[in-house]
Amino acid sequence: MSIELTPPLTPQRVFGGARSASLSAQIVAQVRDDLYEKRLKSGDFVGTEKDLAARYGVSRIVARDALRTLAALGIVEIRMGKGGGARISSGNPRLFAEALAVQLDLTGVTAAEVLDAQRAIETLAAELAAQNAAPSDIARLRRLVAEAEAIISDDDAYTRSSLEFHLAVVEASHNRVLVVQFLSLHHVSWPTRNKTLTPEVARRVLEAHKELLALIEARDAAGARAMMDDHVKMIRARRVAERDHGSCC
């Protein structure tokens, strides 16, 4: 069964005199607004191309364009064939983390801008992790610290492990918005290869991670936030100073 949009709309009221591209955009805007207003929810059937054309009094070409845009935005999932049509997606914001990172890069954001935002995200995440971390989160953080100690002389593996630790802290916050923001920023800020990593820096990073883990385990939210703040400020200083060489932690 298709969903009746509320309040009902007439083609004259919504689309009068607009061109095809505008008609398609207004259908997209209406479906998006219905989603935000909770008139539509995940799994609801929006309709087929034919359904939308009839509902809005537009051509099937316009309806097809609207459905393609809704699918590209991740708002609907489209199934072909018998019983097919568009349904509101279940939602997977991680799919768009890299797309956001690309747009940030194309915008020309600086290393300083990215790391300032990362500092805000990670300090709050560390505070929430100390409050919300489950036993499985603590076990994961312990494993990553032990792993890092074992591979500390392997620069590439150590860099990947450090990223995994930071992600594990953010995920331990159990705040999905922070997780997606972190994932977007790390595409821009975190190097695949850390050419300036030295044994001294690697050891300092490991000690910082150990201290942060201890604070999270102790449920010391203020301490975890302050520790992460100091840690990310150190990362920021190195990234901004050495951005042309690609550094990390």
Protein backbone atom coordinates (compact mmCIF):
# COMPACT_ATOMS: atom_id res chain seq x y z
CA MET A 1 0.00 0.00 0.00
CA SER A 2 1.35 3.44 -0.89
CA ILE A 3 1.55 6.24 1.66
CA GLU A 4 -0.84 9.16 1.47
CA LEU A 5 1.10 12.35 1.99
CA THR A 6 -0.26 14.67 4.67
CA PRO A 7 -1.52 17.27 4.06
CA PRO A 8 -2.69 16.18 0.57
CA LEU A 9 -1.20 18.21 -2.25
CA THR A 10 -2.61 19.20 -5.59
CA PRO A 11 -0.51 19.70 -8.71
CA GLN A 12 -1.80 23.26 -9.03
CA ARG A 13 -0.82 24.18 -5.49
CA VAL A 14 2.64 22.65 -5.63
CA PHE A 15 3.77 22.66 -9.20
CA GLY A 16 1.85 25.29 -11.09
CA GLY A 17 3.86 26.66 -14.01
CA ALA A 18 7.19 25.08 -13.00
CA ARG A 19 9.57 23.36 -15.40
CA SER A 20 10.24 19.60 -15.27
CA ALA A 21 13.45 19.93 -13.26
CA SER A 22 11.66 22.11 -10.72
CA LEU A 23 8.73 19.70 -10.58
CA SER A 24 11.09 16.84 -9.80
CA ALA A 25 12.88 18.90 -7.13
CA GLN A 26 9.59 19.75 -5.46
CA ILE A 27 8.58 16.10 -5.28
CA VAL A 28 11.92 15.35 -3.66
CA ALA A 29 11.43 18.23 -1.21
CA GLN A 30 7.92 17.02 -0.33
CA VAL A 31 9.06 13.45 0.37
CA ARG A 32 11.99 14.77 2.41
CA ASP A 33 9.69 17.04 4.42
CA ASP A 34 7.27 14.18 5.06
CA LEU A 35 10.22 12.15 6.35
CA TYR A 36 11.36 14.95 8.67
CA GLU A 37 7.80 15.49 9.91
CA LYS A 38 7.47 11.74 10.63
CA ARG A 39 4.66 11.31 8.14
CA LEU A 40 6.96 8.78 6.49
CA LYS A 41 9.28 6.35 8.22
CA SER A 42 11.79 3.67 7.32
CA GLY A 43 10.17 0.91 5.30
CA ASP A 44 7.14 2.90 4.16
CA PHE A 45 6.18 2.40 0.52
CA VAL A 46 6.45 5.67 -1.38
CA GLY A 47 5.20 4.25 -4.65
CA THR A 48 6.18 3.39 -8.19
CA GLU A 49 7.04 5.81 -10.94
CA LYS A 50 3.44 5.51 -12.14
CA ASP A 51 2.09 6.14 -8.61
CA LEU A 52 4.10 9.34 -8.18
CA ALA A 53 3.14 10.62 -11.62
CA ALA A 54 -0.55 10.17 -10.81
CA ARG A 55 -0.26 11.53 -7.26
CA TYR A 56 1.44 14.76 -8.30
CA GLY A 57 -0.11 15.19 -11.72
CA VAL A 58 3.23 15.09 -13.52
CA SER A 59 4.73 13.05 -16.34
CA ARG A 60 6.44 9.75 -15.68
CA ILE A 61 9.72 11.34 -16.77
CA VAL A 62 9.42 13.85 -13.91
CA ALA A 63 8.48 11.09 -11.46
CA ARG A 64 11.44 9.00 -12.64
CA ASP A 65 13.83 11.91 -12.10
CA ALA A 66 12.44 12.46 -8.61
CA LEU A 67 12.88 8.80 -7.68
CA ARG A 68 16.44 8.76 -9.01
CA THR A 69 17.28 11.82 -6.93
CA LEU A 70 15.66 10.36 -3.82
CA ALA A 71 17.66 7.16 -4.32
CA ALA A 72 20.91 9.11 -4.84
CA LEU A 73 20.25 10.98 -1.59
CA GLY A 74 19.74 7.69 0.21
CA ILE A 75 16.14 8.55 1.10
CA VAL A 76 14.57 5.67 -0.80
CA GLU A 77 15.55 2.21 -1.98
CA ILE A 78 14.13 1.19 -5.35
CA ARG A 79 13.27 -2.38 -6.31
CA MET A 80 12.56 -3.33 -9.89
CA GLY A 81 10.06 -5.82 -11.26
CA LYS A 82 6.82 -7.18 -9.87
CA GLY A 83 6.12 -5.83 -6.40
CA GLY A 84 8.81 -3.23 -6.92
CA GLY A 85 8.82 0.50 -6.29
CA ALA A 86 10.40 2.90 -3.84
CA ARG A 87 10.48 2.46 -0.07
CA ILE A 88 11.96 4.75 2.55
CA SER A 89 15.47 3.50 3.29
CA SER A 90 16.51 1.94 6.56
CA GLY A 91 19.29 4.51 6.85
CA ASN A 92 23.06 4.06 6.82
CA PRO A 93 24.79 7.41 7.40
CA ARG A 94 28.23 5.81 7.08
CA LEU A 95 27.62 5.49 3.36
CA PHE A 96 27.81 9.27 3.11
CA ALA A 97 30.80 9.85 5.36
CA GLU A 98 33.26 9.56 2.49
CA ALA A 99 31.06 11.67 0.21
CA LEU A 100 31.12 14.45 2.81
CA ALA A 101 34.89 14.11 3.08
CA VAL A 102 35.20 14.56 -0.69
CA GLN A 103 33.09 17.72 -0.55
CA LEU A 104 35.20 19.09 2.30
CA ASP A 105 38.34 18.42 0.30
CA LEU A 106 36.89 20.03 -2.83
CA THR A 107 35.93 23.05 -0.74
CA GLY A 108 39.60 23.44 0.15
CA VAL A 109 39.30 23.21 3.92
CA THR A 110 42.63 23.55 5.69
CA ALA A 111 44.28 21.02 7.97
CA ALA A 112 43.72 23.43 10.85
CA GLU A 113 39.97 23.62 10.17
CA VAL A 114 39.62 19.85 9.98
CA LEU A 115 41.63 19.24 13.15
CA ASP A 116 39.71 21.91 15.07
CA ALA A 117 36.49 20.11 14.18
CA GLN A 118 38.04 16.74 14.98
CA ARG A 119 39.12 18.06 18.38
CA ALA A 120 35.55 19.08 19.18
CA ILE A 121 34.19 15.69 18.10
CA GLU A 122 36.80 13.54 19.82
CA THR A 123 36.84 15.36 23.14
CA LEU A 124 33.08 15.02 23.50
CA ALA A 125 33.29 11.40 22.32
CA ALA A 126 35.90 10.61 24.97
CA GLU A 127 33.69 12.14 27.67
CA LEU A 128 30.68 10.13 26.50
CA ALA A 129 32.78 6.97 26.17
CA ALA A 130 33.69 7.22 29.85
CA GLN A 131 29.97 7.40 30.61
CA ASN A 132 28.58 4.94 28.09
CA ALA A 133 31.24 2.38 27.15
CA ALA A 134 30.03 -1.21 27.34
CA PRO A 135 32.29 -4.06 28.46
CA SER A 136 32.78 -4.99 24.80
CA ASP A 137 33.98 -1.44 24.05
CA ILE A 138 36.52 -1.61 26.88
CA ALA A 139 37.71 -5.01 25.64
CA ARG A 140 38.17 -3.63 22.14
CA LEU A 141 40.20 -0.65 23.42
CA ARG A 142 42.39 -2.95 25.50
CA ARG A 143 43.00 -5.18 22.50
CA LEU A 144 43.96 -2.22 20.33
CA VAL A 145 46.42 -0.91 22.93
CA ALA A 146 48.05 -4.33 23.20
CA GLU A 147 48.14 -4.64 19.42
CA ALA A 148 49.75 -1.21 19.04
CA GLU A 149 52.46 -2.11 21.52
CA ALA A 150 53.25 -5.25 19.52
CA ILE A 151 53.51 -3.44 16.16
CA ILE A 152 55.00 -0.16 17.32
CA SER A 153 58.02 -0.57 15.03
CA ASP A 154 55.83 -1.04 11.92
CA ASP A 155 54.95 2.54 10.96
CA ASP A 156 52.11 1.73 8.54
CA ALA A 157 50.46 -0.87 10.75
CA TYR A 158 50.87 1.36 13.80
CA THR A 159 49.23 4.29 11.97
CA ARG A 160 46.25 2.09 11.06
CA SER A 161 46.03 0.80 14.62
CA SER A 162 46.06 4.34 16.00
CA LEU A 163 43.18 5.28 13.72
CA GLU A 164 41.28 2.20 14.86
CA PHE A 165 41.80 3.20 18.50
CA HIS A 166 40.44 6.70 17.91
CA LEU A 167 37.45 5.26 16.05
CA ALA A 168 36.86 2.77 18.88
CA VAL A 169 36.74 5.62 21.40
CA VAL A 170 34.21 7.51 19.30
CA GLU A 171 32.10 4.38 18.82
CA ALA A 172 32.24 3.75 22.58
CA SER A 173 30.42 7.07 23.01
CA HIS A 174 27.37 5.36 21.45
CA ASN A 175 26.56 8.59 19.62
CA ARG A 176 26.07 7.79 15.93
CA VAL A 177 26.26 11.43 14.88
CA LEU A 178 29.76 11.74 16.34
CA VAL A 179 30.79 8.48 14.67
CA VAL A 180 29.75 9.65 11.20
CA GLN A 181 31.40 13.04 11.69
CA PHE A 182 34.61 11.37 12.77
CA LEU A 183 34.55 9.01 9.80
CA SER A 184 34.09 11.94 7.42
CA LEU A 185 36.94 13.95 8.89
CA HIS A 186 39.41 11.09 9.11
CA HIS A 187 39.28 10.67 5.33
CA VAL A 188 40.67 14.20 5.11
CA SER A 189 42.93 14.33 8.15
CA TRP A 190 44.40 10.86 8.65
CA PRO A 191 47.30 9.78 6.40
CA THR A 192 47.53 6.33 4.89
CA ARG A 193 51.25 6.47 5.49
CA ASN A 194 52.76 8.52 8.31
CA LYS A 195 56.12 9.58 6.92
CA THR A 196 57.15 11.57 9.99
CA LEU A 197 56.36 9.00 12.66
CA THR A 198 59.37 8.44 14.90
CA PRO A 199 59.88 5.87 17.68
CA GLU A 200 59.63 8.68 20.22
CA VAL A 201 56.35 9.96 18.82
CA ALA A 202 54.95 6.43 18.54
CA ARG A 203 55.75 5.75 22.19
CA ARG A 204 54.19 9.06 23.26
CA VAL A 205 51.02 8.23 21.34
CA LEU A 206 50.83 4.78 22.90
CA GLU A 207 51.19 6.21 26.41
CA ALA A 208 48.43 8.73 25.66
CA HIS A 209 46.16 5.94 24.47
CA LYS A 210 46.90 3.88 27.59
CA GLU A 211 46.07 6.83 29.83
CA LEU A 212 42.88 7.54 27.94
CA LEU A 213 41.83 3.90 28.23
CA ALA A 214 42.44 4.00 32.00
CA LEU A 215 40.28 7.10 32.35
CA ILE A 216 37.46 5.55 30.32
CA GLU A 217 37.64 2.38 32.40
CA ALA A 218 37.53 4.49 35.58
CA ARG A 219 34.41 6.29 34.23
CA ASP A 220 36.25 9.59 34.63
CA ALA A 221 34.38 11.62 32.01
CA ALA A 222 36.06 14.96 32.75
CA GLY A 223 39.48 13.36 32.82
CA ALA A 224 38.89 11.51 29.55
CA ARG A 225 37.72 14.69 27.88
CA ALA A 226 40.77 16.65 29.09
CA MET A 227 43.14 13.87 28.08
CA MET A 228 41.68 13.59 24.58
CA ASP A 229 41.78 17.38 24.24
CA ASP A 230 45.50 17.43 24.98
CA HIS A 231 46.09 14.49 22.65
CA VAL A 232 44.22 15.96 19.68
CA LYS A 233 45.91 19.34 20.21
CA MET A 234 49.23 17.54 19.85
CA ILE A 235 47.98 15.82 16.70
CA ARG A 236 46.78 19.18 15.36
CA ALA A 237 50.12 20.85 15.96
CA ARG A 238 51.96 18.14 14.07
CA ARG A 239 49.44 17.93 11.23
CA VAL A 240 49.41 21.68 10.65
CA ALA A 241 53.20 21.98 10.89
CA GLU A 242 53.89 18.95 8.72
CA ARG A 243 50.84 18.75 6.46
CA ASP A 244 53.00 18.70 3.36
CA HIS A 245 54.62 15.47 4.57
CA GLY A 246 51.54 13.68 5.89
CA SER A 247 51.71 13.06 9.61
CA CYS A 248 49.52 11.54 12.24
CA CYS A 249 49.16 11.32 16.02
